[in-house]
């Protein structure tokens, strides 16, 4: 029962921190940019040139021909010339529902917090700070893997990558403090 309570409290702390992080602090907006002709040129091209909802890459690297040395050289030249893009495209648009998105995000945090609570039960550290850092490192390991992989493979901006990692560290350290207090 303590693990369930700790998970609920941890998820709540992360949810509150995330709200502050995205709505109060400017750091998540540092690398978000817009296209000059978003509505006319770019949006229309994405609608007419895409083949439905999915991940898109410019220049496209076809896995079937990626092992061909000539095709690989051709792709490398295009990638170096630019532009390079890796993006989600949903030509039909999204039905944005902030309440639903927030509820789903809380459930995601709850799932992670429950895993962290289970791991915390195995933690050998005895101090509150040590146990909070245990939660932080346990959760941050996955976030670092994803964020640095996106930076490495898809050219995500370094600033955005570091901000996203820092955000996870702060959120889960704060959650870890509360969770470690509940799970002794």
N, C-alpha and C. Protein backbone atom coordinates (compact mmCIF):
# COMPACT_ATOMS: atom_id res chain seq x y z
N UNK A 1 0.82 -1.20 0.00
CA UNK A 1 0.00 0.00 0.00
C UNK A 1 0.87 1.26 0.00
N UNK A 2 2.02 1.19 0.70
CA UNK A 2 2.92 2.34 0.73
C UNK A 2 3.44 2.68 -0.66
N UNK A 3 3.68 1.64 -1.47
CA UNK A 3 4.18 1.87 -2.83
C UNK A 3 3.14 2.57 -3.69
N UNK A 4 1.89 2.21 -3.53
CA UNK A 4 0.81 2.86 -4.29
C UNK A 4 0.70 4.32 -3.87
N UNK A 5 0.73 4.56 -2.57
CA UNK A 5 0.66 5.94 -2.06
C UNK A 5 1.86 6.74 -2.54
N UNK A 6 3.05 6.14 -2.44
CA UNK A 6 4.27 6.82 -2.90
C UNK A 6 4.18 7.12 -4.39
N UNK A 7 3.65 6.20 -5.18
CA UNK A 7 3.51 6.42 -6.62
C UNK A 7 2.54 7.57 -6.90
N UNK A 8 1.42 7.60 -6.19
CA UNK A 8 0.46 8.69 -6.37
C UNK A 8 1.07 10.05 -6.01
N UNK A 9 1.77 10.07 -4.88
CA UNK A 9 2.41 11.32 -4.44
C UNK A 9 3.51 11.72 -5.43
N UNK A 10 4.34 10.76 -5.82
CA UNK A 10 5.42 11.04 -6.77
C UNK A 10 4.88 11.56 -8.10
N UNK A 11 3.84 10.92 -8.62
CA UNK A 11 3.25 11.36 -9.89
C UNK A 11 2.66 12.76 -9.76
N UNK A 12 2.07 13.06 -8.61
CA UNK A 12 1.51 14.39 -8.38
C UNK A 12 2.61 15.45 -8.35
N UNK A 13 3.69 15.15 -7.66
CA UNK A 13 4.83 16.08 -7.60
C UNK A 13 5.39 16.33 -9.00
N UNK A 14 5.59 15.26 -9.77
CA UNK A 14 6.11 15.40 -11.13
C UNK A 14 5.14 16.20 -11.99
N UNK A 15 3.85 15.95 -11.85
CA UNK A 15 2.83 16.66 -12.61
C UNK A 15 2.86 18.16 -12.30
N UNK A 16 2.96 18.50 -11.03
CA UNK A 16 3.01 19.91 -10.62
C UNK A 16 4.29 20.56 -11.15
N UNK A 17 5.43 19.88 -10.97
CA UNK A 17 6.69 20.42 -11.47
C UNK A 17 6.61 20.64 -12.98
N UNK A 18 6.08 19.66 -13.70
CA UNK A 18 6.00 19.75 -15.16
C UNK A 18 5.15 20.95 -15.59
N UNK A 19 4.06 21.18 -14.88
CA UNK A 19 3.24 22.35 -15.17
C UNK A 19 4.03 23.64 -15.01
N UNK A 20 4.76 23.74 -13.90
CA UNK A 20 5.59 24.92 -13.67
C UNK A 20 6.68 25.03 -14.74
N UNK A 21 7.32 23.92 -15.02
CA UNK A 21 8.42 23.90 -15.97
C UNK A 21 8.00 24.37 -17.36
N UNK A 22 6.82 23.95 -17.80
CA UNK A 22 6.36 24.30 -19.14
C UNK A 22 5.63 25.64 -19.21
N UNK A 23 4.93 26.01 -18.14
CA UNK A 23 4.10 27.21 -18.22
C UNK A 23 4.72 28.46 -17.59
N UNK A 24 5.66 28.27 -16.67
CA UNK A 24 6.24 29.42 -15.98
C UNK A 24 7.64 29.74 -16.48
N UNK A 25 8.46 28.72 -16.62
CA UNK A 25 9.84 28.93 -17.04
C UNK A 25 9.93 28.95 -18.56
N UNK A 26 10.84 29.76 -19.14
CA UNK A 26 10.91 29.86 -20.60
C UNK A 26 11.76 28.78 -21.27
N UNK A 27 12.42 27.94 -20.52
CA UNK A 27 13.46 27.09 -21.10
C UNK A 27 12.99 26.08 -22.14
N UNK A 28 11.76 25.61 -22.10
CA UNK A 28 11.29 24.67 -23.11
C UNK A 28 11.02 25.36 -24.46
N UNK A 29 10.97 26.66 -24.47
CA UNK A 29 10.70 27.39 -25.71
C UNK A 29 11.97 27.89 -26.41
N UNK A 30 13.12 27.69 -25.80
CA UNK A 30 14.35 28.23 -26.37
C UNK A 30 14.63 27.73 -27.77
N UNK A 31 14.32 26.49 -28.08
CA UNK A 31 14.65 25.93 -29.39
C UNK A 31 13.43 25.66 -30.27
N UNK A 32 12.25 26.06 -29.84
CA UNK A 32 11.05 25.86 -30.67
C UNK A 32 10.92 27.05 -31.62
N UNK A 33 10.87 26.74 -32.89
CA UNK A 33 10.82 27.79 -33.91
C UNK A 33 9.63 27.57 -34.83
N UNK A 34 9.34 28.56 -35.64
CA UNK A 34 8.26 28.46 -36.61
C UNK A 34 8.83 28.68 -38.01
N UNK A 35 8.11 28.21 -39.01
CA UNK A 35 8.50 28.44 -40.39
C UNK A 35 7.99 29.82 -40.82
N UNK A 36 8.68 30.44 -41.76
CA UNK A 36 8.28 31.77 -42.23
C UNK A 36 6.90 31.76 -42.87
N UNK A 37 6.61 30.77 -43.65
CA UNK A 37 5.33 30.68 -44.36
C UNK A 37 4.57 29.45 -43.89
N UNK A 38 4.45 29.32 -42.57
CA UNK A 38 3.85 28.11 -41.97
C UNK A 38 2.51 27.74 -42.60
N UNK A 39 1.60 28.68 -42.67
CA UNK A 39 0.25 28.37 -43.13
C UNK A 39 0.13 28.19 -44.63
N UNK A 40 0.88 28.97 -45.38
CA UNK A 40 0.74 28.94 -46.83
C UNK A 40 1.57 27.83 -47.46
N UNK A 41 2.84 27.87 -47.24
CA UNK A 41 3.75 27.01 -47.97
C UNK A 41 3.98 25.68 -47.25
N UNK A 42 4.44 25.75 -46.02
CA UNK A 42 4.87 24.54 -45.31
C UNK A 42 3.68 23.64 -44.97
N UNK A 43 2.64 24.19 -44.36
CA UNK A 43 1.48 23.36 -43.99
C UNK A 43 0.86 22.73 -45.22
N UNK A 44 0.75 23.48 -46.29
CA UNK A 44 0.15 22.93 -47.51
C UNK A 44 1.03 21.82 -48.08
N UNK A 45 2.34 22.01 -48.06
CA UNK A 45 3.25 20.96 -48.55
C UNK A 45 3.15 19.71 -47.68
N UNK A 46 3.06 19.87 -46.38
CA UNK A 46 2.95 18.71 -45.50
C UNK A 46 1.64 17.96 -45.74
N UNK A 47 0.58 18.69 -46.02
CA UNK A 47 -0.71 18.05 -46.30
C UNK A 47 -0.68 17.30 -47.63
N UNK A 48 -0.14 17.95 -48.65
CA UNK A 48 -0.22 17.35 -49.99
C UNK A 48 0.90 16.34 -50.26
N UNK A 49 2.01 16.48 -49.59
CA UNK A 49 3.16 15.62 -49.88
C UNK A 49 3.31 14.43 -48.93
N UNK A 50 2.56 14.41 -47.86
CA UNK A 50 2.69 13.30 -46.91
C UNK A 50 1.71 12.18 -47.27
N UNK A 51 1.98 11.03 -46.71
CA UNK A 51 1.18 9.85 -47.01
C UNK A 51 0.40 9.40 -45.78
N UNK A 52 -0.04 10.35 -44.98
CA UNK A 52 -0.78 10.02 -43.76
C UNK A 52 0.05 10.24 -42.51
N UNK A 53 -0.57 10.01 -41.36
CA UNK A 53 0.05 10.22 -40.06
C UNK A 53 1.27 9.31 -39.90
N UNK A 54 2.40 9.90 -39.51
CA UNK A 54 3.61 9.10 -39.31
C UNK A 54 4.83 9.97 -39.07
N UNK A 55 5.96 9.30 -38.98
CA UNK A 55 7.25 9.97 -38.84
C UNK A 55 7.82 10.17 -40.24
N UNK A 56 8.33 11.36 -40.48
CA UNK A 56 8.89 11.70 -41.79
C UNK A 56 10.31 12.20 -41.63
N UNK A 57 11.09 11.95 -42.66
CA UNK A 57 12.49 12.32 -42.64
C UNK A 57 12.85 12.95 -43.99
N UNK A 58 13.56 14.07 -43.94
CA UNK A 58 14.08 14.72 -45.14
C UNK A 58 15.58 14.91 -44.93
N UNK A 59 16.44 14.42 -45.78
CA UNK A 59 16.13 13.54 -46.90
C UNK A 59 15.78 12.14 -46.38
N UNK A 60 14.93 11.47 -47.12
CA UNK A 60 14.50 10.13 -46.73
C UNK A 60 15.61 9.12 -46.99
N UNK A 61 15.80 8.24 -46.03
CA UNK A 61 16.78 7.16 -46.16
C UNK A 61 16.01 5.84 -46.18
N UNK A 62 15.89 5.26 -47.35
CA UNK A 62 15.14 4.02 -47.51
C UNK A 62 15.94 2.86 -46.92
N UNK A 63 15.41 2.19 -45.89
CA UNK A 63 16.15 1.08 -45.27
C UNK A 63 16.49 -0.03 -46.27
N UNK A 64 15.68 -0.18 -47.32
CA UNK A 64 15.93 -1.24 -48.31
C UNK A 64 17.18 -0.97 -49.12
N UNK A 65 17.51 0.30 -49.32
CA UNK A 65 18.69 0.64 -50.13
C UNK A 65 19.82 1.23 -49.30
N UNK A 66 19.66 1.30 -48.00
CA UNK A 66 20.66 1.94 -47.14
C UNK A 66 22.00 1.22 -47.16
N UNK A 67 22.02 -0.06 -47.49
CA UNK A 67 23.28 -0.81 -47.51
C UNK A 67 24.04 -0.65 -48.82
N UNK A 68 23.40 -0.03 -49.79
CA UNK A 68 24.05 0.23 -51.07
C UNK A 68 25.00 1.42 -50.89
N UNK A 69 26.32 1.22 -51.08
CA UNK A 69 27.29 2.30 -50.85
C UNK A 69 27.01 3.57 -51.67
N UNK A 70 26.53 3.41 -52.90
CA UNK A 70 26.23 4.58 -53.73
C UNK A 70 25.03 5.35 -53.17
N UNK A 71 24.00 4.62 -52.77
CA UNK A 71 22.80 5.27 -52.18
C UNK A 71 23.17 5.95 -50.87
N UNK A 72 24.04 5.32 -50.09
CA UNK A 72 24.47 5.91 -48.82
C UNK A 72 25.22 7.22 -49.07
N UNK A 73 26.13 7.25 -50.05
CA UNK A 73 26.86 8.48 -50.38
C UNK A 73 25.90 9.57 -50.84
N UNK A 74 24.91 9.17 -51.63
CA UNK A 74 23.91 10.11 -52.12
C UNK A 74 23.13 10.71 -50.95
N UNK A 75 22.71 9.86 -50.00
CA UNK A 75 21.95 10.34 -48.85
C UNK A 75 22.81 11.27 -47.99
N UNK A 76 24.07 10.89 -47.74
CA UNK A 76 24.97 11.72 -46.92
C UNK A 76 25.14 13.10 -47.56
N UNK A 77 25.30 13.14 -48.88
CA UNK A 77 25.45 14.42 -49.57
C UNK A 77 24.19 15.28 -49.40
N UNK A 78 23.02 14.67 -49.58
CA UNK A 78 21.76 15.41 -49.39
C UNK A 78 21.62 15.90 -47.95
N UNK A 79 21.95 15.04 -46.99
CA UNK A 79 21.82 15.42 -45.57
C UNK A 79 22.75 16.57 -45.24
N UNK A 80 23.96 16.55 -45.79
CA UNK A 80 24.92 17.62 -45.52
C UNK A 80 24.50 18.92 -46.20
N UNK A 81 23.90 18.83 -47.37
CA UNK A 81 23.45 20.01 -48.11
C UNK A 81 22.27 20.66 -47.39
N UNK A 82 21.38 19.82 -46.79
CA UNK A 82 20.23 20.32 -46.07
C UNK A 82 19.08 20.64 -47.00
N UNK A 83 17.91 20.84 -46.49
CA UNK A 83 17.61 20.77 -45.06
C UNK A 83 17.52 19.31 -44.58
N UNK A 84 17.66 19.15 -43.29
CA UNK A 84 17.46 17.86 -42.64
C UNK A 84 16.28 18.03 -41.70
N UNK A 85 15.36 17.11 -41.73
CA UNK A 85 14.20 17.17 -40.82
C UNK A 85 13.79 15.76 -40.42
N UNK A 86 13.37 15.65 -39.18
CA UNK A 86 12.80 14.42 -38.64
C UNK A 86 11.60 14.89 -37.84
N UNK A 87 10.41 14.54 -38.30
CA UNK A 87 9.23 15.15 -37.70
C UNK A 87 8.02 14.22 -37.72
N UNK A 88 7.08 14.54 -36.86
CA UNK A 88 5.79 13.88 -36.87
C UNK A 88 4.88 14.74 -37.74
N UNK A 89 4.20 14.08 -38.66
CA UNK A 89 3.24 14.80 -39.51
C UNK A 89 1.89 14.10 -39.37
N UNK A 90 0.89 14.89 -39.11
CA UNK A 90 -0.49 14.39 -39.06
C UNK A 90 -1.30 15.34 -39.95
N UNK A 91 -1.38 15.02 -41.25
CA UNK A 91 -1.99 15.94 -42.20
C UNK A 91 -3.42 16.34 -41.86
N UNK A 92 -4.16 15.45 -41.24
CA UNK A 92 -5.56 15.74 -40.91
C UNK A 92 -5.70 16.60 -39.66
N UNK A 93 -4.58 16.93 -39.02
CA UNK A 93 -4.61 17.75 -37.80
C UNK A 93 -4.92 16.91 -36.58
N UNK A 94 -4.95 17.55 -35.42
CA UNK A 94 -5.26 16.87 -34.17
C UNK A 94 -6.44 17.55 -33.51
N UNK A 95 -7.22 16.76 -32.81
CA UNK A 95 -8.31 17.32 -32.00
C UNK A 95 -7.72 17.54 -30.62
N UNK A 96 -7.26 18.76 -30.38
CA UNK A 96 -6.54 19.06 -29.16
C UNK A 96 -7.49 19.14 -27.98
N UNK A 97 -7.24 18.35 -26.96
CA UNK A 97 -8.04 18.33 -25.75
C UNK A 97 -7.06 18.39 -24.58
N UNK A 98 -6.85 19.59 -24.07
CA UNK A 98 -5.87 19.79 -23.00
C UNK A 98 -6.19 18.96 -21.78
N UNK A 99 -7.45 18.85 -21.40
CA UNK A 99 -7.81 18.06 -20.22
C UNK A 99 -7.44 16.59 -20.40
N UNK A 100 -7.73 16.05 -21.56
CA UNK A 100 -7.39 14.65 -21.84
C UNK A 100 -5.87 14.47 -21.86
N UNK A 101 -5.16 15.38 -22.52
CA UNK A 101 -3.70 15.29 -22.59
C UNK A 101 -3.08 15.36 -21.19
N UNK A 102 -3.60 16.22 -20.34
CA UNK A 102 -3.09 16.33 -18.97
C UNK A 102 -3.38 15.04 -18.18
N UNK A 103 -4.57 14.48 -18.37
CA UNK A 103 -4.91 13.23 -17.68
C UNK A 103 -4.00 12.09 -18.12
N UNK A 104 -3.77 11.99 -19.42
CA UNK A 104 -2.88 10.93 -19.93
C UNK A 104 -1.46 11.15 -19.41
N UNK A 105 -1.02 12.41 -19.38
CA UNK A 105 0.33 12.69 -18.88
C UNK A 105 0.46 12.31 -17.40
N UNK A 106 -0.59 12.56 -16.62
CA UNK A 106 -0.55 12.15 -15.22
C UNK A 106 -0.45 10.64 -15.11
N UNK A 107 -1.20 9.92 -15.94
CA UNK A 107 -1.14 8.45 -15.91
C UNK A 107 0.23 7.92 -16.33
N UNK A 108 0.85 8.59 -17.28
CA UNK A 108 2.23 8.21 -17.65
C UNK A 108 3.15 8.39 -16.46
N UNK A 109 3.06 9.54 -15.80
CA UNK A 109 3.87 9.80 -14.61
C UNK A 109 3.58 8.81 -13.50
N UNK A 110 2.32 8.43 -13.36
CA UNK A 110 1.94 7.46 -12.34
C UNK A 110 2.57 6.10 -12.63
N UNK A 111 2.56 5.70 -13.88
CA UNK A 111 3.20 4.43 -14.24
C UNK A 111 4.68 4.44 -13.93
N UNK A 112 5.36 5.52 -14.28
CA UNK A 112 6.79 5.64 -13.99
C UNK A 112 7.03 5.69 -12.49
N UNK A 113 6.18 6.43 -11.78
CA UNK A 113 6.32 6.53 -10.33
C UNK A 113 6.11 5.18 -9.64
N UNK A 114 5.21 4.39 -10.17
CA UNK A 114 4.98 3.07 -9.58
C UNK A 114 6.20 2.18 -9.78
N UNK A 115 6.80 2.23 -10.97
CA UNK A 115 8.04 1.48 -11.21
C UNK A 115 9.14 1.98 -10.26
N UNK A 116 9.25 3.30 -10.11
CA UNK A 116 10.25 3.87 -9.20
C UNK A 116 9.99 3.45 -7.76
N UNK A 117 8.72 3.37 -7.37
CA UNK A 117 8.38 2.94 -6.01
C UNK A 117 8.79 1.49 -5.77
N UNK A 118 8.59 0.65 -6.77
CA UNK A 118 9.02 -0.75 -6.65
C UNK A 118 10.54 -0.81 -6.51
N UNK A 119 11.25 -0.07 -7.36
CA UNK A 119 12.71 -0.06 -7.28
C UNK A 119 13.20 0.49 -5.95
N UNK A 120 12.49 1.51 -5.45
CA UNK A 120 12.87 2.11 -4.17
C UNK A 120 12.80 1.10 -3.04
N UNK A 121 11.92 0.14 -3.16
CA UNK A 121 11.83 -0.93 -2.17
C UNK A 121 13.10 -1.78 -2.09
N UNK A 122 13.88 -1.79 -3.15
CA UNK A 122 15.13 -2.54 -3.18
C UNK A 122 16.36 -1.69 -2.86
N UNK A 123 16.16 -0.40 -2.69
CA UNK A 123 17.26 0.53 -2.47
C UNK A 123 17.94 0.26 -1.12
N UNK A 124 19.27 0.24 -1.14
CA UNK A 124 20.05 0.00 0.09
C UNK A 124 20.40 1.30 0.83
N UNK A 125 20.25 2.44 0.16
CA UNK A 125 20.57 3.72 0.80
C UNK A 125 19.62 3.94 1.98
N UNK A 126 20.15 4.52 3.04
CA UNK A 126 19.34 4.73 4.24
C UNK A 126 18.92 6.18 4.43
N UNK A 127 19.67 7.11 3.85
CA UNK A 127 19.31 8.52 4.04
C UNK A 127 18.21 8.93 3.05
N UNK A 128 17.43 9.91 3.43
CA UNK A 128 16.37 10.44 2.58
C UNK A 128 16.96 10.96 1.27
N UNK A 129 18.04 11.70 1.37
CA UNK A 129 18.69 12.28 0.19
C UNK A 129 19.21 11.17 -0.73
N UNK A 130 19.84 10.16 -0.15
CA UNK A 130 20.36 9.05 -0.93
C UNK A 130 19.25 8.31 -1.66
N UNK A 131 18.13 8.12 -1.00
CA UNK A 131 17.00 7.42 -1.60
C UNK A 131 16.33 8.29 -2.68
N UNK A 132 16.29 9.60 -2.45
CA UNK A 132 15.75 10.51 -3.46
C UNK A 132 16.64 10.49 -4.71
N UNK A 133 17.94 10.48 -4.53
CA UNK A 133 18.85 10.39 -5.68
C UNK A 133 18.71 9.05 -6.38
N UNK A 134 18.43 8.00 -5.64
CA UNK A 134 18.21 6.69 -6.24
C UNK A 134 17.04 6.76 -7.22
N UNK A 135 15.93 7.35 -6.78
CA UNK A 135 14.76 7.51 -7.65
C UNK A 135 15.14 8.37 -8.86
N UNK A 136 15.85 9.45 -8.61
CA UNK A 136 16.26 10.35 -9.69
C UNK A 136 17.06 9.62 -10.75
N UNK A 137 18.08 8.88 -10.31
CA UNK A 137 18.93 8.17 -11.27
C UNK A 137 18.18 7.05 -11.98
N UNK A 138 17.31 6.36 -11.26
CA UNK A 138 16.56 5.26 -11.87
C UNK A 138 15.69 5.78 -13.01
N UNK A 139 15.00 6.88 -12.80
CA UNK A 139 14.11 7.42 -13.82
C UNK A 139 14.91 8.17 -14.89
N UNK A 140 15.91 8.92 -14.46
CA UNK A 140 16.68 9.74 -15.40
C UNK A 140 17.46 8.88 -16.39
N UNK A 141 17.85 7.68 -16.01
CA UNK A 141 18.60 6.82 -16.93
C UNK A 141 17.83 6.62 -18.23
N UNK A 142 16.55 6.33 -18.12
CA UNK A 142 15.73 6.15 -19.32
C UNK A 142 15.58 7.44 -20.11
N UNK A 143 15.39 8.54 -19.41
CA UNK A 143 15.23 9.83 -20.08
C UNK A 143 16.51 10.23 -20.81
N UNK A 144 17.65 9.99 -20.18
CA UNK A 144 18.92 10.33 -20.81
C UNK A 144 19.12 9.49 -22.07
N UNK A 145 18.80 8.21 -21.99
CA UNK A 145 18.91 7.34 -23.16
C UNK A 145 18.08 7.89 -24.33
N UNK A 146 16.84 8.24 -24.08
CA UNK A 146 15.97 8.74 -25.14
C UNK A 146 16.44 10.11 -25.64
N UNK A 147 16.70 11.02 -24.73
CA UNK A 147 17.08 12.38 -25.14
C UNK A 147 18.40 12.40 -25.90
N UNK A 148 19.41 11.70 -25.41
CA UNK A 148 20.69 11.70 -26.10
C UNK A 148 20.64 10.93 -27.41
N UNK A 149 19.80 9.90 -27.48
CA UNK A 149 19.63 9.19 -28.75
C UNK A 149 18.98 10.10 -29.79
N UNK A 150 17.99 10.87 -29.39
CA UNK A 150 17.36 11.82 -30.31
C UNK A 150 18.35 12.90 -30.75
N UNK A 151 19.19 13.35 -29.83
CA UNK A 151 20.23 14.33 -30.15
C UNK A 151 21.23 13.73 -31.15
N UNK A 152 21.64 12.50 -30.89
CA UNK A 152 22.63 11.83 -31.72
C UNK A 152 22.11 11.50 -33.11
N UNK A 153 20.96 10.85 -33.19
CA UNK A 153 20.47 10.35 -34.47
C UNK A 153 19.67 11.36 -35.26
N UNK A 154 18.90 12.21 -34.59
CA UNK A 154 17.96 13.07 -35.31
C UNK A 154 18.27 14.55 -35.20
N UNK A 155 19.46 14.87 -34.71
CA UNK A 155 19.93 16.26 -34.65
C UNK A 155 19.06 17.16 -33.78
N UNK A 156 18.47 16.59 -32.72
CA UNK A 156 17.73 17.45 -31.79
C UNK A 156 18.70 18.50 -31.24
N UNK A 157 18.25 19.73 -31.07
CA UNK A 157 19.16 20.78 -30.57
C UNK A 157 19.74 20.42 -29.20
N UNK A 158 21.00 20.77 -29.02
CA UNK A 158 21.69 20.47 -27.76
C UNK A 158 21.00 21.14 -26.58
N UNK A 159 20.60 22.39 -26.75
CA UNK A 159 19.93 23.10 -25.65
C UNK A 159 18.65 22.40 -25.24
N UNK A 160 17.81 22.03 -26.22
CA UNK A 160 16.56 21.34 -25.90
C UNK A 160 16.84 20.00 -25.22
N UNK A 161 17.85 19.30 -25.68
CA UNK A 161 18.22 18.02 -25.08
C UNK A 161 18.62 18.19 -23.62
N UNK A 162 19.47 19.16 -23.35
CA UNK A 162 19.93 19.40 -21.97
C UNK A 162 18.79 19.90 -21.08
N UNK A 163 17.93 20.75 -21.62
CA UNK A 163 16.78 21.24 -20.84
C UNK A 163 15.86 20.07 -20.48
N UNK A 164 15.58 19.19 -21.44
CA UNK A 164 14.70 18.06 -21.17
C UNK A 164 15.30 17.11 -20.13
N UNK A 165 16.60 16.91 -20.18
CA UNK A 165 17.25 16.06 -19.16
C UNK A 165 17.19 16.75 -17.80
N UNK A 166 17.52 18.03 -17.75
CA UNK A 166 17.47 18.77 -16.48
C UNK A 166 16.06 18.76 -15.90
N UNK A 167 15.07 18.91 -16.75
CA UNK A 167 13.68 18.90 -16.31
C UNK A 167 13.33 17.58 -15.62
N UNK A 168 13.76 16.47 -16.21
CA UNK A 168 13.50 15.15 -15.63
C UNK A 168 14.25 14.99 -14.30
N UNK A 169 15.49 15.44 -14.25
CA UNK A 169 16.27 15.33 -13.01
C UNK A 169 15.57 16.09 -11.88
N UNK A 170 15.18 17.32 -12.14
CA UNK A 170 14.52 18.14 -11.11
C UNK A 170 13.20 17.50 -10.69
N UNK A 171 12.38 17.13 -11.67
CA UNK A 171 11.06 16.56 -11.36
C UNK A 171 11.18 15.31 -10.50
N UNK A 172 12.08 14.42 -10.88
CA UNK A 172 12.15 13.14 -10.18
C UNK A 172 12.98 13.21 -8.90
N UNK A 173 13.83 14.21 -8.77
CA UNK A 173 14.47 14.41 -7.46
C UNK A 173 13.42 14.89 -6.45
N UNK A 174 12.61 15.84 -6.87
CA UNK A 174 11.55 16.32 -5.97
C UNK A 174 10.58 15.18 -5.63
N UNK A 175 10.17 14.43 -6.64
CA UNK A 175 9.28 13.29 -6.38
C UNK A 175 9.97 12.27 -5.50
N UNK A 176 11.26 12.03 -5.74
CA UNK A 176 12.03 11.07 -4.94
C UNK A 176 12.08 11.45 -3.47
N UNK A 177 12.16 12.73 -3.17
CA UNK A 177 12.16 13.17 -1.78
C UNK A 177 10.89 12.73 -1.08
N UNK A 178 9.76 12.95 -1.73
CA UNK A 178 8.48 12.56 -1.14
C UNK A 178 8.32 11.05 -1.09
N UNK A 179 8.70 10.40 -2.16
CA UNK A 179 8.54 8.94 -2.23
C UNK A 179 9.42 8.24 -1.20
N UNK A 180 10.64 8.75 -1.03
CA UNK A 180 11.58 8.15 -0.06
C UNK A 180 11.09 8.35 1.36
N UNK A 181 10.35 9.41 1.59
CA UNK A 181 9.77 9.65 2.92
C UNK A 181 8.67 8.63 3.21
N UNK A 182 7.95 8.22 2.18
CA UNK A 182 6.84 7.26 2.35
C UNK A 182 7.33 5.83 2.40
N UNK A 183 8.27 5.50 1.51
CA UNK A 183 8.81 4.13 1.48
C UNK A 183 10.14 4.16 2.21
N UNK A 184 10.14 3.68 3.40
CA UNK A 184 11.34 3.73 4.26
C UNK A 184 12.29 2.61 3.92
